[in-house]
N, C-alpha and C. Protein backbone atom coordinates (compact mmCIF):
# COMPACT_ATOMS: atom_id res chain seq x y z
N UNK A 1 -17.22 16.43 3.16
CA UNK A 1 -17.01 15.06 2.71
C UNK A 1 -15.61 14.60 3.12
N UNK A 2 -15.52 13.41 3.68
CA UNK A 2 -14.23 12.85 4.11
C UNK A 2 -13.46 12.31 2.91
N UNK A 3 -12.14 12.41 2.98
CA UNK A 3 -11.29 11.86 1.92
C UNK A 3 -11.15 10.35 2.08
N UNK A 4 -11.65 9.81 3.19
CA UNK A 4 -11.51 8.38 3.45
C UNK A 4 -12.81 7.65 3.19
N UNK A 5 -12.68 6.40 2.79
CA UNK A 5 -13.86 5.56 2.54
C UNK A 5 -14.56 5.25 3.86
N UNK A 6 -15.90 5.22 3.85
CA UNK A 6 -16.62 4.80 5.06
C UNK A 6 -16.51 3.28 5.22
N UNK A 7 -16.62 2.82 6.44
CA UNK A 7 -16.60 1.39 6.70
C UNK A 7 -17.86 0.75 6.15
N UNK A 8 -17.73 -0.26 5.27
CA UNK A 8 -18.93 -0.95 4.80
C UNK A 8 -19.59 -1.75 5.93
N UNK A 9 -20.85 -2.05 5.79
CA UNK A 9 -21.60 -2.79 6.81
C UNK A 9 -20.94 -4.13 7.13
N UNK A 10 -20.37 -4.79 6.14
CA UNK A 10 -19.73 -6.10 6.38
C UNK A 10 -18.53 -5.96 7.31
N UNK A 11 -17.76 -4.88 7.18
CA UNK A 11 -16.62 -4.66 8.06
C UNK A 11 -17.07 -4.24 9.45
N UNK A 12 -18.12 -3.43 9.52
CA UNK A 12 -18.70 -3.05 10.82
C UNK A 12 -19.16 -4.30 11.57
N UNK A 13 -19.75 -5.26 10.84
CA UNK A 13 -20.23 -6.49 11.47
C UNK A 13 -19.06 -7.29 12.05
N UNK A 14 -17.94 -7.36 11.32
CA UNK A 14 -16.76 -8.07 11.83
C UNK A 14 -16.26 -7.38 13.10
N UNK A 15 -16.19 -6.07 13.09
CA UNK A 15 -15.73 -5.33 14.27
C UNK A 15 -16.65 -5.57 15.46
N UNK A 16 -17.97 -5.60 15.24
CA UNK A 16 -18.91 -5.84 16.33
C UNK A 16 -18.74 -7.25 16.91
N UNK A 17 -18.49 -8.25 16.04
CA UNK A 17 -18.26 -9.62 16.54
C UNK A 17 -16.98 -9.67 17.37
N UNK A 18 -15.97 -8.87 17.01
CA UNK A 18 -14.71 -8.86 17.74
C UNK A 18 -14.90 -8.33 19.16
N UNK A 19 -15.80 -7.40 19.33
CA UNK A 19 -15.99 -6.73 20.62
C UNK A 19 -16.20 -7.73 21.76
N UNK A 20 -16.91 -8.80 21.52
CA UNK A 20 -17.23 -9.75 22.58
C UNK A 20 -16.21 -10.84 22.80
N UNK A 21 -15.16 -10.87 22.01
CA UNK A 21 -14.17 -11.94 22.15
C UNK A 21 -12.96 -11.48 22.96
N UNK A 22 -12.43 -12.36 23.83
CA UNK A 22 -11.20 -12.00 24.54
C UNK A 22 -10.03 -11.87 23.55
N UNK A 23 -9.06 -11.04 23.89
CA UNK A 23 -7.92 -10.78 23.01
C UNK A 23 -7.23 -12.07 22.57
N UNK A 24 -7.07 -13.01 23.45
CA UNK A 24 -6.38 -14.27 23.11
C UNK A 24 -7.13 -15.05 22.03
N UNK A 25 -8.45 -14.94 22.01
CA UNK A 25 -9.26 -15.65 21.01
C UNK A 25 -9.16 -14.98 19.64
N UNK A 26 -8.75 -13.72 19.60
CA UNK A 26 -8.64 -12.98 18.34
C UNK A 26 -7.23 -13.00 17.77
N UNK A 27 -6.24 -13.40 18.54
CA UNK A 27 -4.85 -13.34 18.11
C UNK A 27 -4.48 -14.54 17.24
N UNK A 28 -3.66 -14.32 16.24
CA UNK A 28 -3.18 -15.41 15.38
C UNK A 28 -2.87 -14.91 13.99
N UNK A 29 -2.56 -15.83 13.12
CA UNK A 29 -2.21 -15.48 11.75
C UNK A 29 -3.46 -15.09 10.97
N UNK A 30 -3.34 -14.02 10.19
CA UNK A 30 -4.45 -13.56 9.34
C UNK A 30 -4.27 -14.15 7.95
N UNK A 31 -5.31 -14.79 7.44
CA UNK A 31 -5.30 -15.39 6.10
C UNK A 31 -4.88 -14.35 5.07
N UNK A 32 -3.91 -14.70 4.25
CA UNK A 32 -3.46 -13.83 3.17
C UNK A 32 -2.32 -12.91 3.51
N UNK A 33 -2.10 -12.62 4.80
CA UNK A 33 -0.95 -11.81 5.19
C UNK A 33 0.29 -12.68 5.04
N UNK A 34 1.31 -12.14 4.38
CA UNK A 34 2.54 -12.89 4.17
C UNK A 34 3.72 -12.12 4.76
N UNK A 35 4.69 -12.87 5.26
CA UNK A 35 5.90 -12.28 5.82
C UNK A 35 7.10 -12.91 5.12
N UNK A 36 8.01 -12.07 4.66
CA UNK A 36 9.24 -12.54 4.02
C UNK A 36 10.41 -11.99 4.83
N UNK A 37 11.12 -12.87 5.53
CA UNK A 37 12.31 -12.45 6.26
C UNK A 37 13.41 -12.20 5.23
N UNK A 38 14.03 -11.05 5.33
CA UNK A 38 15.02 -10.65 4.34
C UNK A 38 16.38 -11.28 4.61
N UNK A 39 17.08 -11.62 3.53
CA UNK A 39 18.45 -12.11 3.62
C UNK A 39 19.36 -10.90 3.45
N UNK A 40 20.17 -10.66 4.46
CA UNK A 40 21.07 -9.51 4.44
C UNK A 40 22.47 -10.00 4.12
N UNK A 41 23.06 -9.42 3.08
CA UNK A 41 24.43 -9.75 2.67
C UNK A 41 25.30 -8.57 3.10
N UNK A 42 26.22 -8.81 4.05
CA UNK A 42 27.00 -7.70 4.59
C UNK A 42 28.49 -7.99 4.57
N UNK A 43 29.23 -6.92 4.58
CA UNK A 43 30.68 -6.98 4.75
C UNK A 43 31.11 -5.70 5.45
N UNK A 44 32.40 -5.41 5.47
CA UNK A 44 32.90 -4.26 6.21
C UNK A 44 32.41 -2.92 5.66
N UNK A 45 31.86 -2.89 4.44
CA UNK A 45 31.39 -1.65 3.83
C UNK A 45 29.93 -1.34 4.12
N UNK A 46 29.16 -2.36 4.50
CA UNK A 46 27.73 -2.16 4.72
C UNK A 46 26.96 -3.42 4.38
N UNK A 47 25.76 -3.27 3.82
CA UNK A 47 24.97 -4.45 3.49
C UNK A 47 24.10 -4.20 2.27
N UNK A 48 23.54 -5.31 1.74
CA UNK A 48 22.62 -5.29 0.61
C UNK A 48 21.54 -6.31 0.91
N UNK A 49 20.28 -5.98 0.56
CA UNK A 49 19.19 -6.94 0.67
C UNK A 49 18.18 -6.67 -0.44
N UNK A 50 17.56 -7.73 -0.94
CA UNK A 50 16.50 -7.60 -1.94
C UNK A 50 15.17 -7.55 -1.19
N UNK A 51 14.42 -6.45 -1.38
CA UNK A 51 13.15 -6.31 -0.68
C UNK A 51 12.05 -7.14 -1.32
N UNK A 52 11.76 -6.88 -2.59
CA UNK A 52 10.72 -7.61 -3.32
C UNK A 52 11.25 -7.87 -4.72
N UNK A 53 11.14 -9.11 -5.16
CA UNK A 53 11.62 -9.49 -6.49
C UNK A 53 10.66 -10.51 -7.09
N UNK A 54 10.45 -10.44 -8.39
CA UNK A 54 9.59 -11.42 -9.07
C UNK A 54 10.08 -12.82 -8.72
N UNK A 55 9.17 -13.70 -8.39
CA UNK A 55 9.51 -15.08 -8.05
C UNK A 55 9.80 -15.29 -6.57
N UNK A 56 9.78 -14.24 -5.76
CA UNK A 56 10.02 -14.37 -4.32
C UNK A 56 8.98 -15.28 -3.67
N UNK A 57 9.42 -15.95 -2.61
CA UNK A 57 8.53 -16.75 -1.78
C UNK A 57 8.54 -16.17 -0.37
N UNK A 58 7.42 -16.31 0.34
CA UNK A 58 7.39 -15.83 1.72
C UNK A 58 8.00 -16.88 2.64
N UNK A 59 7.97 -16.64 3.94
CA UNK A 59 8.59 -17.56 4.90
C UNK A 59 7.92 -18.93 4.91
N UNK A 60 6.68 -19.01 4.43
CA UNK A 60 5.97 -20.30 4.37
C UNK A 60 6.13 -20.98 3.02
N UNK A 61 6.90 -20.37 2.09
CA UNK A 61 7.14 -20.96 0.78
C UNK A 61 6.09 -20.63 -0.26
N UNK A 62 5.24 -19.64 0.01
CA UNK A 62 4.19 -19.25 -0.92
C UNK A 62 4.65 -18.07 -1.77
N UNK A 63 4.11 -17.92 -3.00
CA UNK A 63 4.49 -16.78 -3.85
C UNK A 63 4.23 -15.46 -3.13
N UNK A 64 5.23 -14.59 -3.13
CA UNK A 64 5.18 -13.35 -2.35
C UNK A 64 5.04 -12.10 -3.20
N UNK A 65 5.77 -12.01 -4.28
CA UNK A 65 5.80 -10.78 -5.08
C UNK A 65 4.47 -10.55 -5.78
N UNK A 66 4.04 -9.28 -5.86
CA UNK A 66 2.77 -8.99 -6.53
C UNK A 66 2.86 -9.26 -8.03
N UNK A 67 1.72 -9.66 -8.59
CA UNK A 67 1.66 -9.83 -10.04
C UNK A 67 1.29 -8.50 -10.66
N UNK A 68 1.67 -8.31 -11.90
CA UNK A 68 1.29 -7.09 -12.60
C UNK A 68 2.41 -6.06 -12.61
N UNK A 69 2.17 -4.96 -13.29
CA UNK A 69 3.20 -3.93 -13.42
C UNK A 69 3.40 -3.15 -12.13
N UNK A 70 4.51 -2.45 -12.04
CA UNK A 70 4.83 -1.61 -10.89
C UNK A 70 3.78 -0.53 -10.73
N UNK A 71 3.35 -0.26 -9.50
CA UNK A 71 2.33 0.76 -9.26
C UNK A 71 2.94 1.98 -8.56
N UNK A 72 3.42 1.83 -7.33
CA UNK A 72 3.96 2.97 -6.59
C UNK A 72 4.76 2.47 -5.41
N UNK A 73 5.87 3.14 -5.11
CA UNK A 73 6.65 2.87 -3.90
C UNK A 73 6.83 4.19 -3.18
N UNK A 74 6.67 4.18 -1.84
CA UNK A 74 6.74 5.40 -1.04
C UNK A 74 7.56 5.13 0.21
N UNK A 75 7.85 6.23 0.95
CA UNK A 75 8.59 6.12 2.20
C UNK A 75 7.99 7.11 3.18
N UNK A 76 7.91 6.72 4.45
CA UNK A 76 7.41 7.60 5.49
C UNK A 76 8.34 7.54 6.69
N UNK A 77 8.38 8.61 7.47
CA UNK A 77 9.18 8.69 8.68
C UNK A 77 8.26 8.95 9.85
N UNK A 78 8.40 8.18 10.93
CA UNK A 78 7.64 8.39 12.16
C UNK A 78 8.62 8.65 13.29
N UNK A 79 8.46 9.76 13.97
CA UNK A 79 9.38 10.15 15.03
C UNK A 79 9.16 9.32 16.28
N UNK A 80 10.26 8.89 16.87
CA UNK A 80 10.21 8.21 18.17
C UNK A 80 10.18 9.28 19.25
N UNK A 81 9.22 9.18 20.15
CA UNK A 81 9.11 10.17 21.21
C UNK A 81 9.27 9.55 22.58
N UNK A 82 9.39 8.23 22.64
CA UNK A 82 9.46 7.57 23.93
C UNK A 82 8.08 7.49 24.55
N UNK A 83 7.95 6.70 25.58
CA UNK A 83 6.67 6.62 26.28
C UNK A 83 5.73 5.61 25.66
N UNK A 84 4.47 5.74 26.00
CA UNK A 84 3.44 4.80 25.58
C UNK A 84 2.40 5.50 24.72
N UNK A 85 1.36 4.80 24.25
CA UNK A 85 0.35 5.37 23.35
C UNK A 85 -0.23 6.64 23.93
N UNK A 86 -0.81 7.48 23.03
CA UNK A 86 -0.99 7.27 21.61
C UNK A 86 0.12 7.85 20.75
N UNK A 87 1.14 8.43 21.33
CA UNK A 87 2.09 9.19 20.54
C UNK A 87 2.97 8.38 19.60
N UNK A 88 3.07 7.09 19.76
CA UNK A 88 3.93 6.27 18.92
C UNK A 88 3.16 5.48 17.86
N UNK A 89 1.85 5.65 17.78
CA UNK A 89 1.01 4.76 16.98
C UNK A 89 0.49 5.46 15.72
N UNK A 90 0.58 4.75 14.58
CA UNK A 90 -0.06 5.19 13.35
C UNK A 90 -0.98 4.04 12.92
N UNK A 91 -2.24 4.09 13.34
CA UNK A 91 -3.16 3.00 13.05
C UNK A 91 -4.58 3.54 13.17
N UNK A 92 -5.51 2.89 12.60
CA UNK A 92 -5.55 1.84 11.59
C UNK A 92 -6.04 2.44 10.29
N UNK A 93 -5.62 1.87 9.17
CA UNK A 93 -6.22 2.20 7.88
C UNK A 93 -6.37 0.91 7.07
N UNK A 94 -7.18 0.97 6.04
CA UNK A 94 -7.46 -0.20 5.21
C UNK A 94 -7.70 0.26 3.79
N UNK A 95 -7.59 -0.70 2.86
CA UNK A 95 -7.80 -0.42 1.44
C UNK A 95 -8.80 -1.42 0.88
N UNK A 96 -9.58 -0.97 -0.07
CA UNK A 96 -10.57 -1.84 -0.71
C UNK A 96 -9.95 -2.69 -1.81
N UNK A 97 -8.96 -2.13 -2.53
CA UNK A 97 -8.41 -2.83 -3.70
C UNK A 97 -6.91 -3.14 -3.60
N UNK A 98 -6.15 -2.28 -2.99
CA UNK A 98 -4.70 -2.43 -3.06
C UNK A 98 -4.12 -3.32 -1.99
N UNK A 99 -3.01 -3.97 -2.36
CA UNK A 99 -2.12 -4.66 -1.44
C UNK A 99 -1.06 -3.66 -1.02
N UNK A 100 -0.60 -3.74 0.23
CA UNK A 100 0.55 -2.99 0.72
C UNK A 100 1.67 -3.98 1.01
N UNK A 101 2.90 -3.59 0.69
CA UNK A 101 4.10 -4.36 1.04
C UNK A 101 4.97 -3.45 1.88
N UNK A 102 5.08 -3.72 3.18
CA UNK A 102 5.76 -2.85 4.13
C UNK A 102 7.14 -3.39 4.49
N UNK A 103 8.14 -2.49 4.49
CA UNK A 103 9.50 -2.82 4.92
C UNK A 103 9.98 -1.70 5.84
N UNK A 104 10.11 -2.00 7.12
CA UNK A 104 10.62 -1.03 8.09
C UNK A 104 12.14 -1.05 7.96
N UNK A 105 12.71 -0.01 7.33
CA UNK A 105 14.14 0.01 7.03
C UNK A 105 14.97 0.75 8.07
N UNK A 106 14.32 1.52 8.94
CA UNK A 106 15.02 2.21 10.01
C UNK A 106 14.22 2.12 11.28
N UNK A 107 14.88 1.86 12.40
CA UNK A 107 14.19 1.69 13.67
C UNK A 107 13.48 0.35 13.72
N UNK A 108 12.61 0.19 14.70
CA UNK A 108 11.86 -1.05 14.87
C UNK A 108 10.40 -0.72 15.14
N UNK A 109 9.50 -1.57 14.65
CA UNK A 109 8.06 -1.33 14.79
C UNK A 109 7.31 -2.62 15.05
N UNK A 110 6.17 -2.44 15.68
CA UNK A 110 5.20 -3.52 15.86
C UNK A 110 4.08 -3.23 14.87
N UNK A 111 3.90 -4.12 13.89
CA UNK A 111 2.85 -3.98 12.89
C UNK A 111 1.65 -4.79 13.37
N UNK A 112 0.48 -4.17 13.36
CA UNK A 112 -0.74 -4.83 13.81
C UNK A 112 -1.72 -4.89 12.64
N UNK A 113 -2.24 -6.11 12.38
CA UNK A 113 -3.13 -6.36 11.25
C UNK A 113 -4.44 -6.93 11.77
N UNK A 114 -5.56 -6.42 11.24
CA UNK A 114 -6.88 -6.85 11.69
C UNK A 114 -7.68 -7.28 10.46
N UNK A 115 -8.10 -8.53 10.42
CA UNK A 115 -8.85 -9.06 9.28
C UNK A 115 -10.31 -8.61 9.37
N UNK A 116 -10.70 -7.72 8.44
CA UNK A 116 -12.08 -7.20 8.42
C UNK A 116 -12.88 -7.75 7.24
N UNK A 117 -12.37 -8.82 6.62
CA UNK A 117 -13.08 -9.43 5.48
C UNK A 117 -14.14 -10.38 6.02
N UNK A 118 -15.40 -10.07 5.78
CA UNK A 118 -16.51 -10.84 6.34
C UNK A 118 -16.46 -12.31 5.93
N UNK A 119 -16.01 -12.61 4.73
CA UNK A 119 -16.00 -13.99 4.23
C UNK A 119 -14.68 -14.72 4.49
N UNK A 120 -13.74 -14.08 5.14
CA UNK A 120 -12.43 -14.69 5.40
C UNK A 120 -12.52 -15.72 6.52
N UNK A 121 -11.78 -16.83 6.40
CA UNK A 121 -11.77 -17.80 7.50
C UNK A 121 -11.14 -17.24 8.77
N UNK A 122 -10.42 -16.11 8.67
CA UNK A 122 -9.82 -15.50 9.85
C UNK A 122 -10.44 -14.13 10.15
N UNK A 123 -11.68 -13.90 9.73
CA UNK A 123 -12.37 -12.63 10.00
C UNK A 123 -12.33 -12.33 11.49
N UNK A 124 -11.93 -11.11 11.83
CA UNK A 124 -11.86 -10.70 13.24
C UNK A 124 -10.55 -11.07 13.92
N UNK A 125 -9.66 -11.73 13.23
CA UNK A 125 -8.38 -12.11 13.83
C UNK A 125 -7.41 -10.94 13.77
N UNK A 126 -6.56 -10.85 14.79
CA UNK A 126 -5.53 -9.82 14.90
C UNK A 126 -4.16 -10.49 14.87
N UNK A 127 -3.30 -10.04 13.98
CA UNK A 127 -1.94 -10.57 13.86
C UNK A 127 -0.95 -9.46 14.16
N UNK A 128 0.10 -9.79 14.90
CA UNK A 128 1.16 -8.84 15.22
C UNK A 128 2.46 -9.35 14.61
N UNK A 129 3.18 -8.45 13.93
CA UNK A 129 4.47 -8.80 13.31
C UNK A 129 5.49 -7.75 13.76
N UNK A 130 6.61 -8.21 14.28
CA UNK A 130 7.71 -7.32 14.62
C UNK A 130 8.59 -7.19 13.38
N UNK A 131 8.97 -5.95 13.04
CA UNK A 131 9.79 -5.73 11.85
C UNK A 131 10.68 -4.52 12.08
N UNK A 132 11.82 -4.52 11.41
CA UNK A 132 12.72 -3.37 11.50
C UNK A 132 14.17 -3.77 11.35
N UNK A 133 15.02 -2.90 11.84
CA UNK A 133 16.46 -3.13 11.71
C UNK A 133 16.89 -4.44 12.34
N UNK A 134 16.29 -4.81 13.46
CA UNK A 134 16.68 -6.02 14.17
C UNK A 134 15.92 -7.26 13.73
N UNK A 135 14.86 -7.07 12.96
CA UNK A 135 14.08 -8.17 12.39
C UNK A 135 13.71 -7.77 10.97
N UNK A 136 14.67 -7.84 10.03
CA UNK A 136 14.40 -7.37 8.66
C UNK A 136 13.45 -8.31 7.92
N UNK A 137 12.26 -7.80 7.64
CA UNK A 137 11.27 -8.58 6.91
C UNK A 137 10.31 -7.63 6.21
N UNK A 138 9.70 -8.14 5.14
CA UNK A 138 8.67 -7.40 4.43
C UNK A 138 7.34 -8.07 4.72
N UNK A 139 6.30 -7.28 4.97
CA UNK A 139 4.98 -7.80 5.27
C UNK A 139 4.04 -7.42 4.14
N UNK A 140 3.36 -8.42 3.55
CA UNK A 140 2.38 -8.21 2.49
C UNK A 140 0.99 -8.19 3.13
N UNK A 141 0.25 -7.11 2.87
CA UNK A 141 -1.04 -6.88 3.53
C UNK A 141 -2.14 -6.84 2.47
N UNK A 142 -3.09 -7.80 2.52
CA UNK A 142 -4.16 -7.84 1.52
C UNK A 142 -5.20 -6.73 1.71
N UNK A 143 -6.00 -6.48 0.68
CA UNK A 143 -7.12 -5.54 0.82
C UNK A 143 -8.07 -5.97 1.95
N UNK A 144 -8.70 -4.99 2.58
CA UNK A 144 -9.68 -5.17 3.65
C UNK A 144 -9.08 -5.73 4.94
N UNK A 145 -7.76 -5.73 5.04
CA UNK A 145 -7.09 -6.05 6.30
C UNK A 145 -6.58 -4.71 6.85
N UNK A 146 -7.19 -4.26 7.95
CA UNK A 146 -6.77 -2.99 8.55
C UNK A 146 -5.37 -3.17 9.11
N UNK A 147 -4.57 -2.11 9.02
CA UNK A 147 -3.19 -2.22 9.46
C UNK A 147 -2.67 -0.89 9.99
N UNK A 148 -1.68 -1.00 10.86
CA UNK A 148 -1.02 0.15 11.43
C UNK A 148 0.22 -0.32 12.15
N UNK A 149 0.94 0.63 12.71
CA UNK A 149 2.16 0.24 13.41
C UNK A 149 2.46 1.18 14.56
N UNK A 150 3.37 0.70 15.41
CA UNK A 150 3.81 1.45 16.57
C UNK A 150 5.33 1.49 16.56
N UNK A 151 5.88 2.69 16.75
CA UNK A 151 7.32 2.86 16.86
C UNK A 151 7.77 2.25 18.18
N UNK A 152 8.80 1.42 18.13
CA UNK A 152 9.35 0.82 19.34
C UNK A 152 10.75 1.38 19.58
N UNK A 153 11.08 1.67 20.78
CA UNK A 153 12.40 2.18 21.10
C UNK A 153 12.48 3.69 20.91
N UNK A 154 13.69 4.19 20.93
CA UNK A 154 13.91 5.63 20.87
C UNK A 154 14.47 6.07 19.53
N UNK A 155 14.41 5.21 18.52
CA UNK A 155 14.85 5.57 17.18
C UNK A 155 13.65 5.79 16.29
N UNK A 156 13.73 6.80 15.41
CA UNK A 156 12.67 7.03 14.44
C UNK A 156 12.49 5.80 13.56
N UNK A 157 11.28 5.61 13.06
CA UNK A 157 10.99 4.51 12.14
C UNK A 157 10.87 5.06 10.73
N UNK A 158 11.60 4.42 9.81
CA UNK A 158 11.48 4.73 8.39
C UNK A 158 10.82 3.51 7.75
N UNK A 159 9.66 3.73 7.14
CA UNK A 159 8.88 2.66 6.51
C UNK A 159 8.86 2.90 5.01
N UNK A 160 9.39 1.94 4.24
CA UNK A 160 9.27 1.95 2.79
C UNK A 160 8.13 1.01 2.43
N UNK A 161 7.27 1.44 1.52
CA UNK A 161 6.16 0.57 1.17
C UNK A 161 5.82 0.67 -0.30
N UNK A 162 5.51 -0.50 -0.84
CA UNK A 162 5.08 -0.65 -2.23
C UNK A 162 3.59 -0.93 -2.19
N UNK A 163 2.83 -0.29 -3.08
CA UNK A 163 1.39 -0.56 -3.17
C UNK A 163 1.05 -0.96 -4.60
N UNK A 164 0.03 -1.78 -4.74
CA UNK A 164 -0.32 -2.32 -6.07
C UNK A 164 -1.25 -1.40 -6.85
N UNK A 165 -1.76 -0.34 -6.22
CA UNK A 165 -2.62 0.63 -6.89
C UNK A 165 -2.06 2.02 -6.59
N UNK A 166 -1.80 2.83 -7.62
CA UNK A 166 -1.28 4.17 -7.35
C UNK A 166 -2.30 5.03 -6.60
N UNK A 167 -1.80 5.91 -5.75
CA UNK A 167 -2.67 6.79 -4.97
C UNK A 167 -3.38 7.78 -5.88
N UNK A 168 -4.66 8.01 -5.61
CA UNK A 168 -5.46 8.99 -6.36
C UNK A 168 -6.05 9.99 -5.38
N UNK A 169 -5.70 11.24 -5.53
CA UNK A 169 -6.24 12.30 -4.67
C UNK A 169 -7.75 12.40 -4.85
N UNK A 170 -8.24 12.18 -6.06
CA UNK A 170 -9.67 12.31 -6.35
C UNK A 170 -10.50 11.15 -5.83
N UNK A 171 -9.91 9.98 -5.71
CA UNK A 171 -10.63 8.80 -5.24
C UNK A 171 -9.68 7.89 -4.46
N UNK A 172 -9.28 8.32 -3.26
CA UNK A 172 -8.31 7.51 -2.51
C UNK A 172 -8.90 6.18 -2.06
N UNK A 173 -8.13 5.12 -2.23
CA UNK A 173 -8.54 3.78 -1.80
C UNK A 173 -8.07 3.59 -0.35
N UNK A 174 -8.70 4.31 0.55
CA UNK A 174 -8.27 4.24 1.94
C UNK A 174 -9.41 4.59 2.87
N UNK A 175 -9.53 3.77 3.93
CA UNK A 175 -10.47 4.03 5.00
C UNK A 175 -9.71 4.05 6.32
N UNK A 176 -10.30 4.63 7.34
CA UNK A 176 -9.63 4.77 8.64
C UNK A 176 -10.49 4.21 9.77
N UNK A 177 -9.79 3.68 10.77
CA UNK A 177 -10.40 3.22 12.02
C UNK A 177 -9.49 3.73 13.13
N UNK A 178 -10.04 4.21 14.22
CA UNK A 178 -9.23 4.74 15.32
C UNK A 178 -8.31 3.66 15.89
N UNK A 179 -7.11 4.08 16.28
CA UNK A 179 -6.12 3.16 16.85
C UNK A 179 -6.63 2.47 18.10
N UNK A 180 -7.54 3.14 18.81
CA UNK A 180 -8.05 2.60 20.08
C UNK A 180 -9.52 2.18 19.98
N UNK A 181 -9.98 1.82 18.78
CA UNK A 181 -11.36 1.38 18.59
C UNK A 181 -11.63 0.24 19.58
N UNK A 182 -12.64 0.38 20.45
CA UNK A 182 -12.89 -0.65 21.48
C UNK A 182 -13.30 -2.00 20.90
N UNK A 183 -13.81 -2.02 19.68
CA UNK A 183 -14.19 -3.31 19.09
C UNK A 183 -12.95 -4.13 18.75
N UNK A 184 -11.87 -3.47 18.38
CA UNK A 184 -10.60 -4.17 18.14
C UNK A 184 -9.94 -4.45 19.48
N UNK A 185 -9.91 -3.46 20.35
CA UNK A 185 -9.42 -3.66 21.71
C UNK A 185 -7.96 -4.09 21.78
N UNK A 186 -7.12 -3.61 20.88
CA UNK A 186 -5.71 -4.02 20.89
C UNK A 186 -4.98 -3.34 22.04
N UNK A 187 -4.17 -4.11 22.75
CA UNK A 187 -3.38 -3.60 23.88
C UNK A 187 -2.04 -3.10 23.35
N UNK A 188 -1.91 -1.79 23.19
CA UNK A 188 -0.72 -1.18 22.60
C UNK A 188 0.40 -0.95 23.61
N UNK A 189 0.20 -1.31 24.86
CA UNK A 189 1.25 -1.03 25.85
C UNK A 189 2.54 -1.73 25.44
N UNK A 190 3.64 -1.00 25.55
CA UNK A 190 4.94 -1.53 25.12
C UNK A 190 5.38 -2.69 26.01
N UNK A 191 5.07 -2.66 27.27
CA UNK A 191 5.50 -3.73 28.17
C UNK A 191 4.86 -5.07 27.84
N UNK A 192 3.87 -5.10 26.95
CA UNK A 192 3.22 -6.36 26.58
C UNK A 192 3.90 -7.05 25.41
N UNK A 193 5.00 -6.52 24.93
CA UNK A 193 5.69 -7.13 23.79
C UNK A 193 6.45 -8.35 24.26
């Protein structure tokens, strides 16, 4: 038995519809994904920034911070190895219930989001967000939006992330899709940035 959730038929249907569309027709903003560019306060000693705070607004002026009590915050490190895929890519996974709030605090990454919600007005759309040391922002990722990232450059990526549902070993809220799934057909080549 896999520790990951199987893809529901509704998400499989979205992926199959994506297969026949050119990449340009699938690219754009994904409904519900929010981006908050961080304000960095710096001086000769270093810097300070607020990642997520009650009452925050995203770059479009919409409420950004999750409602409800704190669930879990984690950090991951991805080694930069240079070169092109697949060695720099950690993609794709999705959640049925939880929101993810991603902040790339070290290095730089290309975050790729795929809307797999059958009833979403942007079902099948792919959104790309650059984030990291040179573009400090937090990305809010809704449930059923597959997501992953690629390390850019020769520096390791440190990703801090807040989730709205604590992780459960017995019943993980996570499903996986291959980074190179032909139905998504994302072009991960670095020279395309």
